Amino acid sequence: MNTATRFGAALGTAMPGRRQILLPLALAPVAGWAVWAAGSADAPSHPAGPFHLPLDETTAIWRDLGTVRFGGLAGNPQFPTKVSALDGRPVTVRGFMVPLTDGATHNRFILSANPMGCPACENPGPATMMHVHTAIALPATREPLTLTGTLRLRPQEGLFYRLDRAEQRWA
């Protein structure tokens, strides 16, 4: 008799086994995909692809930033010339807020090219996210934000990009 069985017997209940816990977790992504593929009401309104938002002047930058690759022995980001030229320059970008803390407003957050959890979008990577610093805290939202600020390459926060002195731009 193992420890889990003895502990469950002492309580008068059988403790769930590892398989009973892990199997539903393993099947959850498959079930989610099946619901989405069947055309549920929550199916995405865009075709499957790398980016959620349509291509325009505020989203085109994600296509450029997404071309960055890891290279060298240390796995450092290799920035193409077009991306390197943006370092320290003002840019306008539209994306989705990913708060770093709980709260109604945020002045430091991640801006992602795609919303978290979209089944038709590619998985997020460091080239499709940037750390944002704003002077005025912005309300948390699931809607796309358009921000203008100074783009910095290779910040110390772990992502490839940081948007400093960002301000929300209204359409």
C-alpha atoms as a PDB file:
ATOM      1  CA  MET A   1       0.000   0.000   0.000  1.00  0.00           C
ATOM      2  CA  ASN A   2       1.558   3.315  -1.055  1.00  0.00           C
ATOM      3  CA  THR A   3       1.473   6.585   0.876  1.00  0.00           C
ATOM      4  CA  ALA A   4      -1.355   8.108  -1.190  1.00  0.00           C
ATOM      5  CA  THR A   5      -3.507   5.019  -0.679  1.00  0.00           C
ATOM      6  CA  ARG A   6      -2.780   4.971   3.060  1.00  0.00           C
ATOM      7  CA  PHE A   7      -3.497   8.706   3.368  1.00  0.00           C
ATOM      8  CA  GLY A   8      -6.779   8.341   1.437  1.00  0.00           C
ATOM      9  CA  ALA A   9      -7.766   5.313   3.509  1.00  0.00           C
ATOM     10  CA  ALA A  10      -7.136   7.290   6.699  1.00  0.00           C
ATOM     11  CA  LEU A  11      -9.500   9.993   5.456  1.00  0.00           C
ATOM     12  CA  GLY A  12     -12.068   7.487   4.284  1.00  0.00           C
ATOM     13  CA  THR A  13     -11.717   8.550   0.629  1.00  0.00           C
ATOM     14  CA  ALA A  14      -9.616   7.394  -2.277  1.00  0.00           C
ATOM     15  CA  MET A  15      -7.168   9.996  -3.519  1.00  0.00           C
ATOM     16  CA  PRO A  16      -7.133  10.578  -7.281  1.00  0.00           C
ATOM     17  CA  GLY A  17      -4.260   8.962  -9.089  1.00  0.00           C
ATOM     18  CA  ARG A  18      -1.792  10.749 -11.337  1.00  0.00           C
ATOM     19  CA  ARG A  19      -3.606   9.498 -14.442  1.00  0.00           C
ATOM     20  CA  GLN A  20      -6.946  10.885 -13.210  1.00  0.00           C
ATOM     21  CA  ILE A  21      -5.378  14.335 -12.821  1.00  0.00           C
ATOM     22  CA  LEU A  22      -3.144  14.449 -15.906  1.00  0.00           C
ATOM     23  CA  LEU A  23      -5.466  12.922 -18.514  1.00  0.00           C
ATOM     24  CA  PRO A  24      -8.050  15.761 -18.480  1.00  0.00           C
ATOM     25  CA  LEU A  25      -5.229  18.319 -18.643  1.00  0.00           C
ATOM     26  CA  ALA A  26      -3.705  16.567 -21.639  1.00  0.00           C
ATOM     27  CA  LEU A  27      -7.040  16.383 -23.463  1.00  0.00           C
ATOM     28  CA  ALA A  28      -8.099  20.008 -22.836  1.00  0.00           C
ATOM     29  CA  PRO A  29      -6.213  21.489 -25.854  1.00  0.00           C
ATOM     30  CA  VAL A  30      -7.599  18.769 -28.140  1.00  0.00           C
ATOM     31  CA  ALA A  31     -11.132  19.413 -26.919  1.00  0.00           C
ATOM     32  CA  GLY A  32     -10.685  23.180 -27.374  1.00  0.00           C
ATOM     33  CA  TRP A  33      -9.451  22.698 -30.925  1.00  0.00           C
ATOM     34  CA  ALA A  34     -12.362  20.367 -31.697  1.00  0.00           C
ATOM     35  CA  VAL A  35     -14.893  22.940 -30.466  1.00  0.00           C
ATOM     36  CA  TRP A  36     -13.209  25.686 -32.481  1.00  0.00           C
ATOM     37  CA  ALA A  37     -12.975  23.522 -35.636  1.00  0.00           C
ATOM     38  CA  ALA A  38     -16.671  22.664 -35.340  1.00  0.00           C
ATOM     39  CA  GLY A  39     -17.496  26.361 -35.739  1.00  0.00           C
ATOM     40  CA  SER A  40     -18.539  27.389 -32.267  1.00  0.00           C
ATOM     41  CA  ALA A  41     -19.866  30.874 -31.578  1.00  0.00           C
ATOM     42  CA  ASP A  42     -16.414  31.833 -30.295  1.00  0.00           C
ATOM     43  CA  ALA A  43     -14.611  30.931 -33.526  1.00  0.00           C
ATOM     44  CA  PRO A  44     -12.118  33.619 -34.580  1.00  0.00           C
ATOM     45  CA  SER A  45     -13.263  36.135 -37.156  1.00  0.00           C
ATOM     46  CA  HIS A  46      -9.963  35.997 -39.065  1.00  0.00           C
ATOM     47  CA  PRO A  47      -8.141  33.331 -41.043  1.00  0.00           C
ATOM     48  CA  ALA A  48      -5.471  31.255 -39.363  1.00  0.00           C
ATOM     49  CA  GLY A  49      -2.094  32.918 -39.660  1.00  0.00           C
ATOM     50  CA  PRO A  50       0.717  34.586 -37.795  1.00  0.00           C
ATOM     51  CA  PHE A  51      -1.127  37.810 -36.887  1.00  0.00           C
ATOM     52  CA  HIS A  52      -4.560  38.596 -35.502  1.00  0.00           C
ATOM     53  CA  LEU A  53      -4.966  42.197 -36.656  1.00  0.00           C
ATOM     54  CA  PRO A  54      -5.251  43.193 -40.327  1.00  0.00           C
ATOM     55  CA  LEU A  55      -2.217  44.745 -42.000  1.00  0.00           C
ATOM     56  CA  ASP A  56      -2.169  48.561 -41.790  1.00  0.00           C
ATOM     57  CA  GLU A  57       0.306  51.291 -40.825  1.00  0.00           C
ATOM     58  CA  THR A  58       0.018  50.459 -37.098  1.00  0.00           C
ATOM     59  CA  THR A  59       0.418  46.691 -37.438  1.00  0.00           C
ATOM     60  CA  ALA A  60       3.005  46.487 -40.234  1.00  0.00           C
ATOM     61  CA  ILE A  61       5.789  46.919 -37.659  1.00  0.00           C
ATOM     62  CA  TRP A  62       4.946  43.476 -36.170  1.00  0.00           C
ATOM     63  CA  ARG A  63       5.830  41.861 -39.527  1.00  0.00           C
ATOM     64  CA  ASP A  64       9.267  43.488 -39.361  1.00  0.00           C
ATOM     65  CA  LEU A  65       9.822  42.765 -35.664  1.00  0.00           C
ATOM     66  CA  GLY A  66       8.749  39.146 -36.173  1.00  0.00           C
ATOM     67  CA  THR A  67      11.686  38.536 -38.559  1.00  0.00           C
ATOM     68  CA  VAL A  68      14.212  38.645 -35.707  1.00  0.00           C
ATOM     69  CA  ARG A  69      15.945  35.300 -35.137  1.00  0.00           C
ATOM     70  CA  PHE A  70      18.247  33.832 -32.522  1.00  0.00           C
ATOM     71  CA  GLY A  71      21.856  33.431 -33.539  1.00  0.00           C
ATOM     72  CA  GLY A  72      25.381  32.984 -32.286  1.00  0.00           C
ATOM     73  CA  LEU A  73      26.578  30.706 -29.536  1.00  0.00           C
ATOM     74  CA  ALA A  74      24.722  32.629 -26.829  1.00  0.00           C
ATOM     75  CA  GLY A  75      21.445  32.668 -28.757  1.00  0.00           C
ATOM     76  CA  ASN A  76      21.303  36.465 -28.932  1.00  0.00           C
ATOM     77  CA  PRO A  77      18.686  38.086 -31.150  1.00  0.00           C
ATOM     78  CA  GLN A  78      19.874  38.882 -34.684  1.00  0.00           C
ATOM     79  CA  PHE A  79      18.122  42.069 -35.849  1.00  0.00           C
ATOM     80  CA  PRO A  80      17.728  42.701 -39.586  1.00  0.00           C
ATOM     81  CA  THR A  81      18.882  46.130 -40.813  1.00  0.00           C
ATOM     82  CA  LYS A  82      15.294  47.358 -41.102  1.00  0.00           C
ATOM     83  CA  VAL A  83      14.627  46.550 -37.430  1.00  0.00           C
ATOM     84  CA  SER A  84      18.007  47.869 -36.190  1.00  0.00           C
ATOM     85  CA  ALA A  85      17.211  51.215 -37.827  1.00  0.00           C
ATOM     86  CA  LEU A  86      14.164  51.579 -35.527  1.00  0.00           C
ATOM     87  CA  ASP A  87      16.235  51.562 -32.295  1.00  0.00           C
ATOM     88  CA  GLY A  88      15.688  54.836 -30.418  1.00  0.00           C
ATOM     89  CA  ARG A  89      13.148  56.117 -32.934  1.00  0.00           C
ATOM     90  CA  PRO A  90       9.477  56.962 -32.395  1.00  0.00           C
ATOM     91  CA  VAL A  91       7.082  54.277 -33.628  1.00  0.00           C
ATOM     92  CA  THR A  92       3.349  53.678 -33.596  1.00  0.00           C
ATOM     93  CA  VAL A  93       2.160  50.137 -32.966  1.00  0.00           C
ATOM     94  CA  ARG A  94      -1.182  48.453 -32.351  1.00  0.00           C
ATOM     95  CA  GLY A  95      -1.514  45.314 -30.251  1.00  0.00           C
ATOM     96  CA  PHE A  96      -3.089  43.689 -27.228  1.00  0.00           C
ATOM     97  CA  MET A  97      -2.383  44.494 -23.575  1.00  0.00           C
ATOM     98  CA  VAL A  98      -1.082  41.692 -21.385  1.00  0.00           C
ATOM     99  CA  PRO A  99      -1.023  43.058 -17.807  1.00  0.00           C
ATOM    100  CA  LEU A 100       1.898  42.066 -15.606  1.00  0.00           C
ATOM    101  CA  THR A 101      -0.009  42.606 -12.357  1.00  0.00           C
ATOM    102  CA  ASP A 102      -3.590  42.639 -11.126  1.00  0.00           C
ATOM    103  CA  GLY A 103      -5.337  45.973 -11.179  1.00  0.00           C
ATOM    104  CA  ALA A 104      -7.629  48.216 -13.195  1.00  0.00           C
ATOM    105  CA  THR A 105      -4.866  50.394 -14.665  1.00  0.00           C
ATOM    106  CA  HIS A 106      -1.290  49.692 -15.752  1.00  0.00           C
ATOM    107  CA  ASN A 107       1.727  51.795 -16.714  1.00  0.00           C
ATOM    108  CA  ARG A 108       3.976  48.769 -17.354  1.00  0.00           C
ATOM    109  CA  PHE A 109       2.638  45.871 -19.377  1.00  0.00           C
ATOM    110  CA  ILE A 110       3.355  43.662 -22.370  1.00  0.00           C
ATOM    111  CA  LEU A 111       1.975  44.617 -25.772  1.00  0.00           C
ATOM    112  CA  SER A 112       1.447  41.527 -27.909  1.00  0.00           C
ATOM    113  CA  ALA A 113       0.796  41.256 -31.652  1.00  0.00           C
ATOM    114  CA  ASN A 114      -1.897  38.672 -30.902  1.00  0.00           C
ATOM    115  CA  PRO A 115      -4.410  38.282 -28.082  1.00  0.00           C
ATOM    116  CA  MET A 116      -3.583  35.533 -25.624  1.00  0.00           C
ATOM    117  CA  GLY A 117      -5.592  32.386 -26.271  1.00  0.00           C
ATOM    118  CA  CYS A 118      -6.603  32.968 -29.905  1.00  0.00           C
ATOM    119  CA  PRO A 119      -6.755  29.481 -31.443  1.00  0.00           C
ATOM    120  CA  ALA A 120      -6.083  30.731 -34.994  1.00  0.00           C
ATOM    121  CA  CYS A 121      -2.979  32.803 -34.145  1.00  0.00           C
ATOM    122  CA  GLU A 122       0.554  31.498 -33.894  1.00  0.00           C
ATOM    123  CA  ASN A 123       2.022  31.034 -30.441  1.00  0.00           C
ATOM    124  CA  PRO A 124       3.518  34.237 -29.071  1.00  0.00           C
ATOM    125  CA  GLY A 125       7.273  34.572 -28.959  1.00  0.00           C
ATOM    126  CA  PRO A 126       9.660  37.280 -27.789  1.00  0.00           C
ATOM    127  CA  ALA A 127       9.729  38.821 -31.289  1.00  0.00           C
ATOM    128  CA  THR A 128       5.962  39.460 -31.203  1.00  0.00           C
ATOM    129  CA  MET A 129       5.818  41.105 -27.767  1.00  0.00           C
ATOM    130  CA  MET A 130       7.235  44.294 -26.293  1.00  0.00           C
ATOM    131  CA  HIS A 131       7.495  45.671 -22.782  1.00  0.00           C
ATOM    132  CA  VAL A 132       5.646  48.999 -22.544  1.00  0.00           C
ATOM    133  CA  HIS A 133       6.382  51.859 -20.137  1.00  0.00           C
ATOM    134  CA  THR A 134       3.783  54.661 -20.007  1.00  0.00           C
ATOM    135  CA  ALA A 135       3.787  57.875 -17.978  1.00  0.00           C
ATOM    136  CA  ILE A 136       0.010  57.712 -17.529  1.00  0.00           C
ATOM    137  CA  ALA A 137      -1.515  54.399 -16.464  1.00  0.00           C
ATOM    138  CA  LEU A 138      -3.891  52.925 -19.030  1.00  0.00           C
ATOM    139  CA  PRO A 139      -7.039  50.984 -18.161  1.00  0.00           C
ATOM    140  CA  ALA A 140      -6.816  47.219 -18.656  1.00  0.00           C
ATOM    141  CA  THR A 141      -8.545  46.138 -21.853  1.00  0.00           C
ATOM    142  CA  ARG A 142      -8.911  43.151 -24.145  1.00  0.00           C
ATOM    143  CA  GLU A 143      -9.418  45.426 -27.150  1.00  0.00           C
ATOM    144  CA  PRO A 144      -6.458  46.412 -29.352  1.00  0.00           C
ATOM    145  CA  LEU A 145      -4.473  49.472 -28.229  1.00  0.00           C
ATOM    146  CA  THR A 146      -2.624  51.889 -30.503  1.00  0.00           C
ATOM    147  CA  LEU A 147       0.476  53.307 -28.813  1.00  0.00           C
ATOM    148  CA  THR A 148       3.176  55.758 -29.859  1.00  0.00           C
ATOM    149  CA  GLY A 149       6.561  55.774 -28.120  1.00  0.00           C
ATOM    150  CA  THR A 150      10.304  55.275 -28.484  1.00  0.00           C
ATOM    151  CA  LEU A 151      11.340  51.762 -29.484  1.00  0.00           C
ATOM    152  CA  ARG A 152      14.370  50.281 -27.716  1.00  0.00           C
ATOM    153  CA  LEU A 153      16.060  47.080 -28.846  1.00  0.00           C
ATOM    154  CA  ARG A 154      17.612  44.604 -26.378  1.00  0.00           C
ATOM    155  CA  PRO A 155      16.205  45.982 -23.117  1.00  0.00           C
ATOM    156  CA  GLN A 156      17.059  44.190 -19.891  1.00  0.00           C
ATOM    157  CA  GLU A 157      13.498  42.928 -19.258  1.00  0.00           C
ATOM    158  CA  GLY A 158      14.008  39.685 -21.188  1.00  0.00           C
ATOM    159  CA  LEU A 159      12.064  40.627 -24.316  1.00  0.00           C
ATOM    160  CA  PHE A 160      13.648  41.921 -27.513  1.00  0.00           C
ATOM    161  CA  TYR A 161      11.830  45.272 -27.427  1.00  0.00           C
ATOM    162  CA  ARG A 162      10.674  48.008 -25.066  1.00  0.00           C
ATOM    163  CA  LEU A 163       8.395  50.931 -25.906  1.00  0.00           C
ATOM    164  CA  ASP A 164       9.425  53.894 -23.722  1.00  0.00           C
ATOM    165  CA  ARG A 165       7.333  56.977 -22.972  1.00  0.00           C
ATOM    166  CA  ALA A 166       4.363  55.349 -24.664  1.00  0.00           C
ATOM    167  CA  GLU A 167       1.125  57.245 -25.087  1.00  0.00           C
ATOM    168  CA  GLN A 168      -2.185  55.920 -26.268  1.00  0.00           C
ATOM    169  CA  ARG A 169      -3.183  57.194 -29.689  1.00  0.00           C
ATOM    170  CA  TRP A 170      -6.864  57.471 -30.503  1.00  0.00           C
ATOM    171  CA  ALA A 171      -8.034  56.675 -34.020  1.00  0.00           C
END
